Protein backbone atom coordinates (compact mmCIF):
# COMPACT_ATOMS: atom_id res chain seq x y z
CA MET A 1 -8.02 16.14 -18.70
CA LYS A 2 -5.58 15.89 -15.81
CA LYS A 3 -1.81 16.22 -16.14
CA ILE A 4 0.05 13.99 -13.69
CA LEU A 5 3.63 13.93 -12.44
CA LEU A 6 4.58 10.51 -11.05
CA LEU A 7 7.65 10.09 -8.88
CA SER A 8 9.01 7.64 -6.35
CA ASP A 9 11.97 6.91 -4.13
CA THR A 10 12.91 10.47 -3.26
CA HIS A 11 14.42 9.19 0.01
CA GLY A 12 14.09 12.64 1.59
CA HIS A 13 15.44 14.57 -1.40
CA ILE A 14 13.53 17.41 -3.05
CA ASP A 15 15.09 20.10 -5.23
CA GLN A 16 14.26 22.62 -7.94
CA SER A 17 14.79 20.06 -10.70
CA ILE A 18 11.77 18.17 -9.31
CA LEU A 19 9.70 21.19 -8.28
CA LYS A 20 9.89 22.84 -11.71
CA TYR A 21 7.92 19.86 -13.08
CA VAL A 22 5.42 20.00 -10.21
CA ILE A 23 4.36 23.43 -11.44
CA SER A 24 3.55 22.04 -14.91
CA VAL A 25 0.90 19.47 -13.83
CA ASP A 26 -2.48 19.29 -12.12
CA GLU A 27 -1.58 16.58 -9.57
CA VAL A 28 1.53 14.82 -8.26
CA TRP A 29 1.56 11.14 -7.30
CA HIS A 30 4.37 9.76 -5.13
CA ALA A 31 4.79 5.96 -5.17
CA GLY A 32 6.58 5.65 -1.82
CA ASP A 33 9.94 5.86 -0.10
CA ILE A 34 9.24 9.50 0.60
CA GLY A 35 11.99 9.55 3.20
CA ASN A 36 11.03 12.78 4.92
CA LEU A 37 7.74 14.68 4.96
CA THR A 38 9.58 17.84 3.86
CA VAL A 39 9.34 16.25 0.39
CA THR A 40 5.55 15.92 0.47
CA ASP A 41 5.14 19.27 2.24
CA ALA A 42 7.09 21.04 -0.54
CA ILE A 43 4.96 19.39 -3.23
CA GLU A 44 1.66 20.05 -1.44
CA LYS A 45 2.46 23.76 -1.22
CA ILE A 46 2.31 23.81 -5.02
CA LYS A 47 -0.11 21.09 -6.20
CA PRO A 48 -2.45 18.39 -4.87
CA LEU A 49 -0.60 15.20 -3.90
CA ARG A 50 -1.52 11.53 -3.67
CA ALA A 51 1.10 9.32 -2.03
CA VAL A 52 1.74 5.93 -0.49
CA TYR A 53 4.35 5.04 2.08
CA GLY A 54 7.33 2.86 1.22
CA ASN A 55 9.55 0.43 3.07
CA ILE A 56 12.04 3.09 4.26
CA ASP A 57 9.33 5.43 5.51
CA GLY A 58 8.88 5.96 9.23
CA GLN A 59 5.77 6.43 11.35
CA ASP A 60 5.19 10.02 10.20
CA ALA A 61 4.75 8.94 6.56
CA ARG A 62 2.83 5.79 7.53
CA LEU A 63 0.38 7.87 9.53
CA SER A 64 0.01 10.39 6.70
CA TYR A 65 -0.26 8.06 3.71
CA PRO A 66 -1.65 4.55 3.15
CA GLU A 67 0.11 1.46 1.80
CA PHE A 68 -2.32 1.36 -1.16
CA GLN A 69 -4.10 4.17 -2.96
CA HIS A 70 -7.09 3.01 -4.98
CA PHE A 71 -8.88 5.84 -6.79
CA TYR A 72 -10.35 7.14 -10.01
CA CYS A 73 -8.66 9.86 -12.00
CA GLU A 74 -11.13 10.97 -14.62
CA LYS A 75 -12.52 7.55 -15.74
CA VAL A 76 -9.32 5.57 -15.08
CA LEU A 77 -9.19 3.30 -12.04
CA VAL A 78 -5.71 3.60 -10.49
CA LEU A 79 -3.98 1.37 -7.95
CA MET A 80 -0.74 2.67 -6.43
CA THR A 81 1.58 1.07 -3.89
CA HIS A 82 5.31 1.06 -3.25
CA ILE A 83 6.46 -2.56 -3.43
CA GLY A 84 4.56 -4.18 -6.26
CA GLY A 85 6.87 -6.04 -8.57
CA SER A 86 6.25 -6.11 -12.30
CA PRO A 87 4.05 -8.04 -14.75
CA GLY A 88 4.48 -11.75 -14.18
CA ARG A 89 6.38 -11.05 -10.94
CA TYR A 90 3.96 -9.28 -8.60
CA ASN A 91 4.23 -9.96 -4.90
CA PRO A 92 1.39 -12.05 -3.41
CA LYS A 93 -0.34 -9.12 -1.68
CA VAL A 94 -0.41 -7.12 -4.92
CA ARG A 95 -1.64 -10.12 -6.94
CA SER A 96 -4.52 -10.48 -4.50
CA VAL A 97 -5.50 -6.81 -4.83
CA LEU A 98 -5.09 -6.82 -8.62
CA SER A 99 -7.26 -9.91 -9.02
CA LYS A 100 -10.10 -8.20 -7.12
CA SER A 101 -9.99 -4.68 -8.50
CA TYR A 102 -8.55 -4.83 -12.05
CA PRO A 103 -7.33 -1.22 -12.30
CA LYS A 104 -6.57 0.27 -15.69
CA LEU A 105 -3.33 1.77 -14.29
CA PHE A 106 -1.09 0.06 -11.73
CA ILE A 107 1.73 2.12 -10.22
CA CYS A 108 4.57 1.08 -7.95
CA GLY A 109 8.09 2.20 -7.07
CA HIS A 110 10.81 0.47 -5.04
CA SER A 111 13.01 -0.93 -7.83
CA HIS A 112 14.59 2.44 -8.79
CA ILE A 113 14.14 1.24 -12.40
CA LEU A 114 11.88 3.22 -14.71
CA LYS A 115 9.48 0.81 -16.40
CA VAL A 116 6.25 1.23 -18.36
CA MET A 117 4.59 -1.81 -19.90
CA GLN A 118 1.26 -3.44 -20.60
CA ASP A 119 0.22 -6.33 -18.38
CA LYS A 120 -1.83 -8.66 -20.57
CA LYS A 121 -2.94 -10.92 -17.72
CA TYR A 122 -4.45 -8.17 -15.55
CA LYS A 123 -5.20 -5.87 -18.50
CA HIS A 124 -3.60 -2.73 -17.13
CA LEU A 125 -0.75 -0.35 -17.84
CA HIS A 126 2.08 -0.87 -15.35
CA MET A 127 4.18 2.19 -14.42
CA ASN A 128 7.24 2.52 -12.23
CA PRO A 129 8.79 6.01 -12.40
CA GLY A 130 12.25 4.91 -11.24
CA ALA A 131 13.84 7.05 -8.54
CA ALA A 132 13.84 10.85 -8.28
CA GLY A 133 16.11 10.92 -5.23
CA ILE A 134 19.85 10.68 -4.79
CA GLN A 135 20.00 7.55 -2.60
CA GLY A 136 20.23 4.09 -4.16
CA PHE A 137 21.91 2.23 -6.96
CA HIS A 138 20.26 4.02 -9.90
CA GLN A 139 22.51 6.22 -11.99
CA VAL A 140 19.97 8.62 -13.52
CA ARG A 141 17.16 10.26 -11.55
CA THR A 142 13.82 9.76 -13.30
CA MET A 143 10.09 10.58 -13.14
CA LEU A 144 7.10 10.18 -15.45
CA ARG A 145 4.66 12.79 -16.72
CA PHE A 146 1.42 11.93 -18.50
CA ALA A 147 -2.18 12.96 -18.96
CA ILE A 148 -5.42 11.18 -18.23
CA ASN A 149 -8.14 12.24 -20.61
CA GLU A 150 -11.43 10.61 -19.63
CA ASP A 151 -10.53 6.89 -20.00
CA LYS A 152 -7.25 7.35 -21.89
CA ILE A 153 -3.67 7.59 -20.63
CA GLU A 154 -1.80 9.79 -23.08
CA ASN A 155 1.22 12.01 -23.67
CA LEU A 156 3.48 9.82 -21.54
CA GLU A 157 7.03 11.07 -21.19
CA ALA A 158 10.02 9.89 -19.19
CA ILE A 159 11.83 12.73 -17.45
CA GLU A 160 15.52 12.43 -16.70
CA LEU A 161 16.68 14.73 -13.91
CA GLY A 162 20.35 14.05 -14.45
CA ILE A 163 23.03 11.87 -12.92
CA ARG A 164 22.36 10.99 -9.29
CA ASP A 165 25.90 11.81 -8.10
CA ALA A 166 25.87 15.20 -9.84
CA VAL A 167 23.42 16.70 -7.32
CA LYS A 168 25.04 19.14 -4.90
CA ASP A 169 22.96 20.24 -1.93
């Protein structure tokens, strides 16, 4: 069994409210808009990290992380990218990849809206962790934590990190 912390849209922000959850898992997955590699460096000092770059990320992130991550975690095939859309509204590039690979878990970020739902057409669980950073229109900073146990995704929980404007650096 692997415990996963899923976050996105940090936009260069990392703090103790995020890092305290990093300690509690086996791996961290970042679904893009990292913003600054100090975010990924801080996470990688604690736990293994898988990440994709997002639309606001510069050359440093694009050289360090791919646009798509396609991998197995336990027996679950995972596809992760930043700009994906949602069931029934995927962008054309994502639809093309989904129709060839059929992952059990599809992850994206970008919207800053936490969303978890089944996609009946592509037969996968769709996850968007919302935004863990302090930039953007979201009001509450969010992440997801879950476990993958062989071929099952279980113990899913939404984590609220508090009001975006309440963070003082």
